[in-house]
Amino acid sequence: MMTWGDKIKAASAMAKVRFLGRQIPLFLSWPITNRCNYRCSYCDRPNQVDTEVSTERALEIVDEFAEMGTQFVFLSGGEPLVRKDAGLIIERCRQKRIFVCLTTNGALYLKRKPEIGRVDMLKISLDGPESVHDAYRAPGSFAEVMAVLADARKDRIPVVLNPVVSTASLPHVDEVIRIATEYGARIKFQPINHEPAGNKDIDTLMLDSTQMRALSGRLAHLRRSSGAIVNSRAGIRYLAALPGGKDIRCFAGRLFAYLMPNGNIFPCNKREELAAPSSCLARSVRDAMRDVPRVTCRTCWCTSDAELNLMMRFDPVEAIELAWRAVRAGV
């Protein structure tokens, strides 16, 4: 859990990036492996064979990002708990007072919990009710998520559910919110999209403009009665502009960065479309970050990145709302 001092430090870093043009990777997204114990229908990451940085280098990378001002690390995969040294990476983050959010499908969490220790937040994939979730992922996967939710509630670990919204799961938005509310979890909705980890054969699952507006309208309505929805009002309005897009000033590579399992650093997870990588495998993170190019996008499909970019507008009304929601989320 972050202290008020940590939060003030984070706000100061954001102001320096926004108004002074500094590069402070406050937020680091780090899929530590492409390997996964599932074969989800819309994800191609397990087929992306890649090398992984050694344990020794991974721990050094944590140290070097901490020196650059990183305060939030989002560990994912693949399935991050497939990697045997995940607990060591999490522990090093704790030692550096870095807030750790672990994104997991839930299948390995209870088995490895004694080893990895407590994380600051869990982000768990949940695409809908049992019939929808198991069809996308694997038979029995829904039950595994429910077991993790119950355990996290017992341990008082904050949980954010991360449903990938598709044409198949769109009708079940209310049910996912009900589950989140039942277990005291929060929820961030992410529309399915053609990102590099995605399966290329997902056109039938993509939401069109009419469905995106319907999703935005439904979330705006539900958000008024449910405190579980993490998506901000500005973020929900932004969803309504997809897939056509709406100009947004992007701080990828300056406020946040994306580190691949092999040590390549990209501005964000749209890596293949935006820029050549800058590797920190054989040189320092600081030197590698210096070569990460700035990018401009017509639109942003990643709700987490879009929320950060919207926050950086420093709109007074939105800033108060986002700050309050950050306090509630333990960030």
Protein backbone atom coordinates (compact mmCIF):
# COMPACT_ATOMS: atom_id res chain seq x y z
CA MET A 1 0.00 0.00 0.00
CA MET A 2 1.33 3.40 -0.95
CA THR A 3 1.73 6.15 1.62
CA TRP A 4 0.61 9.73 1.08
CA GLY A 5 4.29 10.57 0.63
CA ASP A 6 4.50 8.06 -2.23
CA LYS A 7 1.40 9.57 -3.83
CA ILE A 8 2.77 13.11 -3.58
CA LYS A 9 6.01 11.89 -5.15
CA ALA A 10 4.04 10.30 -8.00
CA ALA A 11 2.02 13.48 -8.58
CA SER A 12 5.25 15.49 -8.67
CA ALA A 13 6.73 13.12 -11.26
CA MET A 14 3.65 13.44 -13.45
CA ALA A 15 3.85 17.23 -13.29
CA LYS A 16 7.52 17.14 -14.30
CA VAL A 17 6.71 14.95 -17.29
CA ARG A 18 3.74 17.07 -18.31
CA PHE A 19 5.14 20.57 -17.85
CA LEU A 20 8.93 20.17 -17.98
CA GLY A 21 9.17 17.46 -20.63
CA ARG A 22 11.06 15.11 -18.31
CA GLN A 23 11.27 11.36 -18.88
CA ILE A 24 10.21 9.56 -15.71
CA PRO A 25 8.82 6.04 -16.35
CA LEU A 26 6.51 6.16 -13.35
CA PHE A 27 4.50 3.21 -14.69
CA LEU A 28 6.14 0.08 -16.13
CA SER A 29 4.16 -2.66 -17.87
CA TRP A 30 6.27 -5.81 -17.91
CA PRO A 31 5.17 -9.12 -19.41
CA ILE A 32 7.94 -11.19 -17.87
CA THR A 33 7.18 -14.16 -20.13
CA ASN A 34 5.16 -15.03 -23.22
CA ARG A 35 4.60 -18.54 -21.92
CA CYS A 36 1.13 -19.39 -20.67
CA ASN A 37 -0.75 -22.36 -19.27
CA TYR A 38 -3.86 -21.33 -21.26
CA ARG A 39 -4.57 -21.00 -24.97
CA CYS A 40 -7.23 -18.28 -25.04
CA SER A 41 -9.07 -17.98 -28.33
CA TYR A 42 -8.20 -14.32 -28.91
CA CYS A 43 -4.59 -14.35 -27.68
CA ASP A 44 -1.55 -15.36 -29.70
CA ARG A 45 1.13 -14.53 -27.14
CA PRO A 46 2.03 -18.16 -26.25
CA ASN A 47 2.97 -18.65 -29.91
CA GLN A 48 5.37 -15.70 -29.81
CA VAL A 49 8.55 -17.59 -28.93
CA ASP A 50 10.99 -15.26 -27.25
CA THR A 51 14.01 -15.33 -24.99
CA GLU A 52 13.67 -14.12 -21.42
CA VAL A 53 16.08 -12.01 -19.42
CA SER A 54 17.89 -13.98 -16.74
CA THR A 55 16.88 -13.75 -13.10
CA GLU A 56 20.01 -11.76 -12.34
CA ARG A 57 19.33 -9.22 -15.09
CA ALA A 58 15.63 -9.03 -14.19
CA LEU A 59 16.51 -7.99 -10.63
CA GLU A 60 19.00 -5.43 -11.94
CA ILE A 61 16.30 -4.05 -14.24
CA VAL A 62 14.01 -3.51 -11.24
CA ASP A 63 16.81 -1.60 -9.48
CA GLU A 64 17.51 0.56 -12.53
CA PHE A 65 13.88 1.45 -13.18
CA ALA A 66 13.54 2.34 -9.48
CA GLU A 67 16.49 4.71 -9.86
CA MET A 68 14.68 6.39 -12.77
CA GLY A 69 11.61 6.98 -10.61
CA THR A 70 9.39 4.00 -11.37
CA GLN A 71 6.78 3.53 -8.63
CA PHE A 72 4.31 1.15 -10.28
CA VAL A 73 5.12 -2.17 -11.97
CA PHE A 74 2.42 -4.20 -13.69
CA LEU A 75 3.65 -7.78 -14.10
CA SER A 76 1.90 -9.84 -16.74
CA GLY A 77 2.52 -12.39 -19.46
CA GLY A 78 1.58 -14.79 -20.96
CA GLU A 79 0.95 -15.95 -17.45
CA PRO A 80 3.62 -14.40 -15.21
CA LEU A 81 3.44 -17.20 -12.64
CA VAL A 82 4.69 -19.67 -15.24
CA ARG A 83 8.06 -18.04 -14.72
CA LYS A 84 9.75 -19.71 -11.74
CA ASP A 85 11.50 -16.58 -10.50
CA ALA A 86 8.35 -14.44 -10.44
CA GLY A 87 8.49 -14.39 -6.64
CA LEU A 88 12.04 -13.04 -6.67
CA ILE A 89 11.07 -10.25 -9.07
CA ILE A 90 8.08 -9.34 -6.90
CA GLU A 91 10.23 -9.34 -3.77
CA ARG A 92 12.80 -7.04 -5.38
CA CYS A 93 10.02 -4.62 -6.30
CA ARG A 94 8.85 -4.67 -2.68
CA GLN A 95 12.38 -3.91 -1.50
CA LYS A 96 12.43 -0.87 -3.80
CA ARG A 97 9.02 0.33 -2.53
CA ILE A 98 7.47 -0.24 -5.94
CA PHE A 99 3.73 -0.90 -6.08
CA VAL A 100 3.23 -4.33 -7.67
CA CYS A 101 0.11 -5.27 -9.62
CA LEU A 102 0.11 -8.90 -10.74
CA THR A 103 -2.02 -9.75 -13.77
CA THR A 104 -2.94 -13.44 -13.72
CA ASN A 105 -5.49 -15.85 -15.10
CA GLY A 106 -5.71 -17.28 -11.59
CA ALA A 107 -4.86 -20.89 -12.34
CA LEU A 108 -1.46 -20.89 -10.59
CA TYR A 109 -1.96 -18.18 -8.00
CA LEU A 110 -3.12 -20.23 -5.00
CA LYS A 111 -0.39 -22.82 -5.56
CA ARG A 112 2.36 -20.20 -5.73
CA LYS A 113 1.00 -17.71 -3.19
CA PRO A 114 3.21 -18.90 -0.29
CA GLU A 115 6.26 -18.40 -2.49
CA ILE A 116 5.46 -15.06 -4.13
CA GLY A 117 4.11 -13.44 -0.99
CA ARG A 118 1.68 -10.55 -0.87
CA VAL A 119 1.26 -8.25 -3.84
CA ASP A 120 -0.28 -4.78 -3.70
CA MET A 121 -2.98 -5.61 -6.22
CA LEU A 122 -4.23 -8.50 -8.32
CA LYS A 123 -5.63 -7.98 -11.80
CA ILE A 124 -7.57 -11.07 -12.82
CA SER A 125 -8.86 -11.89 -16.27
CA LEU A 126 -12.63 -12.49 -16.27
CA ASP A 127 -14.49 -12.24 -19.56
CA GLY A 128 -18.03 -13.03 -18.45
CA PRO A 129 -20.14 -15.68 -16.74
CA GLU A 130 -18.88 -19.25 -16.60
CA SER A 131 -20.14 -20.27 -20.05
CA VAL A 132 -18.44 -17.32 -21.78
CA HIS A 133 -15.23 -17.30 -19.75
CA ASP A 134 -14.58 -21.04 -20.05
CA ALA A 135 -15.30 -20.97 -23.79
CA TYR A 136 -12.63 -18.29 -24.32
CA ARG A 137 -10.04 -19.77 -21.98
CA ALA A 138 -10.34 -23.33 -20.64
CA PRO A 139 -12.93 -25.55 -18.94
CA GLY A 140 -12.82 -24.91 -15.21
CA SER A 141 -11.05 -21.55 -15.54
CA PHE A 142 -14.06 -19.62 -14.21
CA ALA A 143 -14.06 -21.71 -11.02
CA GLU A 144 -10.35 -20.99 -10.57
CA VAL A 145 -11.01 -17.24 -10.79
CA MET A 146 -13.78 -17.51 -8.19
CA ALA A 147 -11.41 -19.33 -5.83
CA VAL A 148 -8.79 -16.59 -6.19
CA LEU A 149 -11.41 -13.88 -5.64
CA ALA A 150 -12.53 -15.55 -2.41
CA ASP A 151 -8.94 -15.95 -1.22
CA ALA A 152 -8.00 -12.35 -2.06
CA ARG A 153 -11.05 -11.08 -0.19
CA LYS A 154 -9.96 -13.12 2.85
CA ASP A 155 -6.44 -11.67 2.60
CA ARG A 156 -7.78 -8.16 1.90
CA ILE A 157 -5.79 -7.85 -1.31
CA PRO A 158 -7.33 -5.32 -3.73
CA VAL A 159 -8.54 -6.97 -6.93
CA VAL A 160 -9.34 -5.48 -10.31
CA LEU A 161 -11.20 -7.72 -12.75
CA ASN A 162 -10.11 -7.24 -16.33
CA PRO A 163 -12.82 -8.35 -18.78
CA VAL A 164 -11.92 -8.26 -22.47
CA VAL A 165 -15.15 -7.02 -24.05
CA SER A 166 -16.07 -8.64 -27.36
CA THR A 167 -19.25 -9.15 -29.35
CA ALA A 168 -19.77 -12.37 -27.39
CA SER A 169 -19.21 -10.90 -23.92
CA LEU A 170 -20.86 -7.49 -24.46
CA PRO A 171 -24.30 -8.75 -23.34
CA HIS A 172 -22.79 -9.92 -20.03
CA VAL A 173 -21.34 -6.63 -18.75
CA ASP A 174 -23.89 -6.46 -15.93
CA GLU A 175 -23.08 -9.99 -14.77
CA VAL A 176 -19.36 -9.24 -14.49
CA ILE A 177 -20.15 -6.15 -12.42
CA ARG A 178 -22.37 -8.30 -10.18
CA ILE A 179 -19.51 -10.73 -9.60
CA ALA A 180 -17.09 -7.89 -8.84
CA THR A 181 -19.52 -6.39 -6.35
CA GLU A 182 -20.13 -9.75 -4.67
CA TYR A 183 -16.41 -10.22 -4.01
CA GLY A 184 -15.58 -6.60 -3.20
CA ALA A 185 -13.48 -6.26 -6.35
CA ARG A 186 -13.22 -3.43 -8.85
CA ILE A 187 -13.43 -3.79 -12.59
CA LYS A 188 -11.81 -2.20 -15.63
CA PHE A 189 -13.36 -2.94 -19.01
CA GLN A 190 -11.00 -3.41 -21.97
CA PRO A 191 -12.42 -3.74 -25.51
CA ILE A 192 -10.84 -6.50 -27.58
CA ASN A 193 -8.48 -5.13 -30.22
CA HIS A 194 -5.76 -6.03 -32.68
CA GLU A 195 -2.79 -5.57 -30.40
CA PRO A 196 0.45 -7.50 -30.98
CA ALA A 197 -0.48 -10.23 -28.49
CA GLY A 198 -3.84 -10.74 -30.09
CA ASN A 199 -4.96 -13.49 -32.38
CA LYS A 200 -5.30 -12.05 -35.88
CA ASP A 201 -8.59 -13.91 -36.47
CA ILE A 202 -10.73 -11.84 -34.12
CA ASP A 203 -12.62 -9.63 -36.56
CA THR A 204 -15.94 -11.23 -35.63
CA LEU A 205 -15.25 -10.44 -31.96
CA MET A 206 -14.37 -6.76 -32.50
CA LEU A 207 -16.94 -4.17 -31.45
CA ASP A 208 -18.08 -1.81 -34.20
CA SER A 209 -18.78 1.88 -33.60
CA THR A 210 -22.41 1.26 -32.67
CA GLN A 211 -21.45 -1.41 -30.14
CA MET A 212 -18.68 0.80 -28.72
CA ARG A 213 -21.17 3.60 -28.14
CA ALA A 214 -23.54 1.10 -26.54
CA LEU A 215 -20.75 -0.11 -24.23
CA SER A 216 -19.81 3.46 -23.32
CA GLY A 217 -23.42 4.38 -22.59
CA ARG A 218 -24.01 1.27 -20.52
CA LEU A 219 -20.86 1.80 -18.44
CA ALA A 220 -21.72 5.46 -17.90
CA HIS A 221 -25.13 4.41 -16.60
CA LEU A 222 -23.84 1.57 -14.42
CA ARG A 223 -21.03 3.68 -13.04
CA ARG A 224 -23.53 5.99 -11.39
CA SER A 225 -24.86 3.11 -9.30
CA SER A 226 -21.74 0.95 -8.95
CA GLY A 227 -18.53 1.97 -7.26
CA ALA A 228 -16.82 -1.09 -8.73
CA ILE A 229 -16.10 0.38 -12.17
CA VAL A 230 -12.55 1.76 -12.39
CA ASN A 231 -12.94 3.33 -15.85
CA SER A 232 -13.24 7.10 -15.32
CA ARG A 233 -15.97 9.26 -16.82
CA ALA A 234 -13.42 10.70 -19.26
CA GLY A 235 -12.23 7.20 -20.14
CA ILE A 236 -15.77 5.97 -20.75
CA ARG A 237 -16.48 8.95 -23.01
CA TYR A 238 -13.27 8.16 -24.88
CA LEU A 239 -14.48 4.61 -25.55
CA ALA A 240 -17.46 6.03 -27.45
CA ALA A 241 -15.06 7.45 -30.08
CA LEU A 242 -13.62 4.02 -30.94
CA PRO A 243 -12.84 2.46 -33.34
CA GLY A 244 -12.62 5.62 -35.44
CA GLY A 245 -10.53 7.36 -32.86
CA LYS A 246 -10.12 10.68 -31.16
CA ASP A 247 -6.91 12.67 -30.87
CA ILE A 248 -5.16 12.16 -27.57
CA ARG A 249 -1.79 13.45 -26.43
CA CYS A 250 0.32 10.43 -25.65
CA PHE A 251 2.99 10.17 -22.96
CA ALA A 252 4.16 6.67 -23.89
CA GLY A 253 7.91 6.34 -23.44
CA ARG A 254 8.01 9.29 -21.05
CA LEU A 255 5.49 8.61 -18.27
CA PHE A 256 5.04 4.92 -18.94
CA ALA A 257 6.93 2.21 -20.80
CA TYR A 258 6.54 -1.37 -21.94
CA LEU A 259 9.29 -3.94 -21.26
CA MET A 260 9.28 -7.18 -23.21
CA PRO A 261 10.42 -10.54 -21.76
CA ASN A 262 13.65 -10.32 -23.81
CA GLY A 263 14.62 -6.88 -22.49
CA ASN A 264 13.34 -4.81 -25.41
CA ILE A 265 11.69 -1.56 -24.32
CA PHE A 266 8.85 -0.01 -26.31
CA PRO A 267 6.80 3.11 -25.61
CA CYS A 268 3.67 0.98 -25.12
CA ASN A 269 2.17 -2.37 -26.07
CA LYS A 270 1.42 -1.26 -29.64
CA ARG A 271 5.10 -1.93 -30.17
CA GLU A 272 5.11 -3.50 -33.63
CA GLU A 273 3.15 -0.62 -35.13
CA LEU A 274 5.04 2.26 -33.55
CA ALA A 275 8.77 1.94 -33.22
CA ALA A 276 11.89 -0.19 -33.21
CA PRO A 277 12.78 -1.54 -29.77
CA SER A 278 15.48 -0.23 -27.48
CA SER A 279 17.09 -3.08 -25.57
CA CYS A 280 18.27 -2.97 -21.96
CA LEU A 281 19.66 -6.49 -22.09
CA ALA A 282 23.30 -5.44 -22.50
CA ARG A 283 23.12 -1.79 -21.41
CA SER A 284 21.52 0.20 -18.64
CA VAL A 285 17.81 0.93 -18.49
CA ARG A 286 18.61 4.65 -18.46
CA ASP A 287 20.57 4.40 -21.73
CA ALA A 288 17.88 2.23 -23.31
CA MET A 289 15.09 4.58 -22.23
CA ARG A 290 16.97 7.49 -23.76
CA ASP A 291 16.58 5.81 -27.16
CA VAL A 292 12.88 4.97 -26.79
CA PRO A 293 11.18 7.13 -29.44
CA ARG A 294 8.24 9.40 -28.82
CA VAL A 295 5.13 8.32 -30.62
CA THR A 296 1.90 9.91 -31.73
CA CYS A 297 -1.31 7.96 -32.15
CA ARG A 298 -4.63 8.82 -33.65
CA THR A 299 -6.30 6.74 -30.99
CA CYS A 300 -5.56 4.45 -28.06
CA TRP A 301 -7.24 1.09 -27.53
CA CYS A 302 -5.53 0.34 -24.22
CA THR A 303 -7.83 1.62 -21.48
CA SER A 304 -5.00 1.81 -18.92
CA ASP A 305 -2.76 3.92 -21.18
CA ALA A 306 -5.69 6.05 -22.31
CA GLU A 307 -6.63 6.75 -18.69
CA LEU A 308 -3.08 7.88 -17.94
CA ASN A 309 -3.01 10.13 -20.98
CA LEU A 310 -6.37 11.63 -20.03
CA MET A 311 -5.14 12.19 -16.48
CA MET A 312 -2.16 14.11 -17.88
CA ARG A 313 -4.50 16.79 -19.22
CA PHE A 314 -4.66 17.99 -15.60
CA ASP A 315 -8.29 18.99 -15.97
CA PRO A 316 -9.24 20.15 -12.43
CA VAL A 317 -12.58 18.30 -12.26
CA GLU A 318 -11.17 15.10 -13.75
CA ALA A 319 -8.04 15.35 -11.60
CA ILE A 320 -10.10 15.40 -8.40
CA GLU A 321 -12.13 12.39 -9.54
CA LEU A 322 -9.11 10.42 -10.71
CA ALA A 323 -7.16 11.21 -7.55
CA TRP A 324 -10.06 10.03 -5.38
CA ARG A 325 -10.43 6.84 -7.39
CA ALA A 326 -6.67 6.26 -7.10
CA VAL A 327 -6.92 6.55 -3.31
CA ARG A 328 -9.80 4.05 -3.28
CA ALA A 329 -7.84 1.69 -5.49
CA GLY A 330 -4.82 1.81 -3.19
CA VAL A 331 -2.61 3.36 -5.88
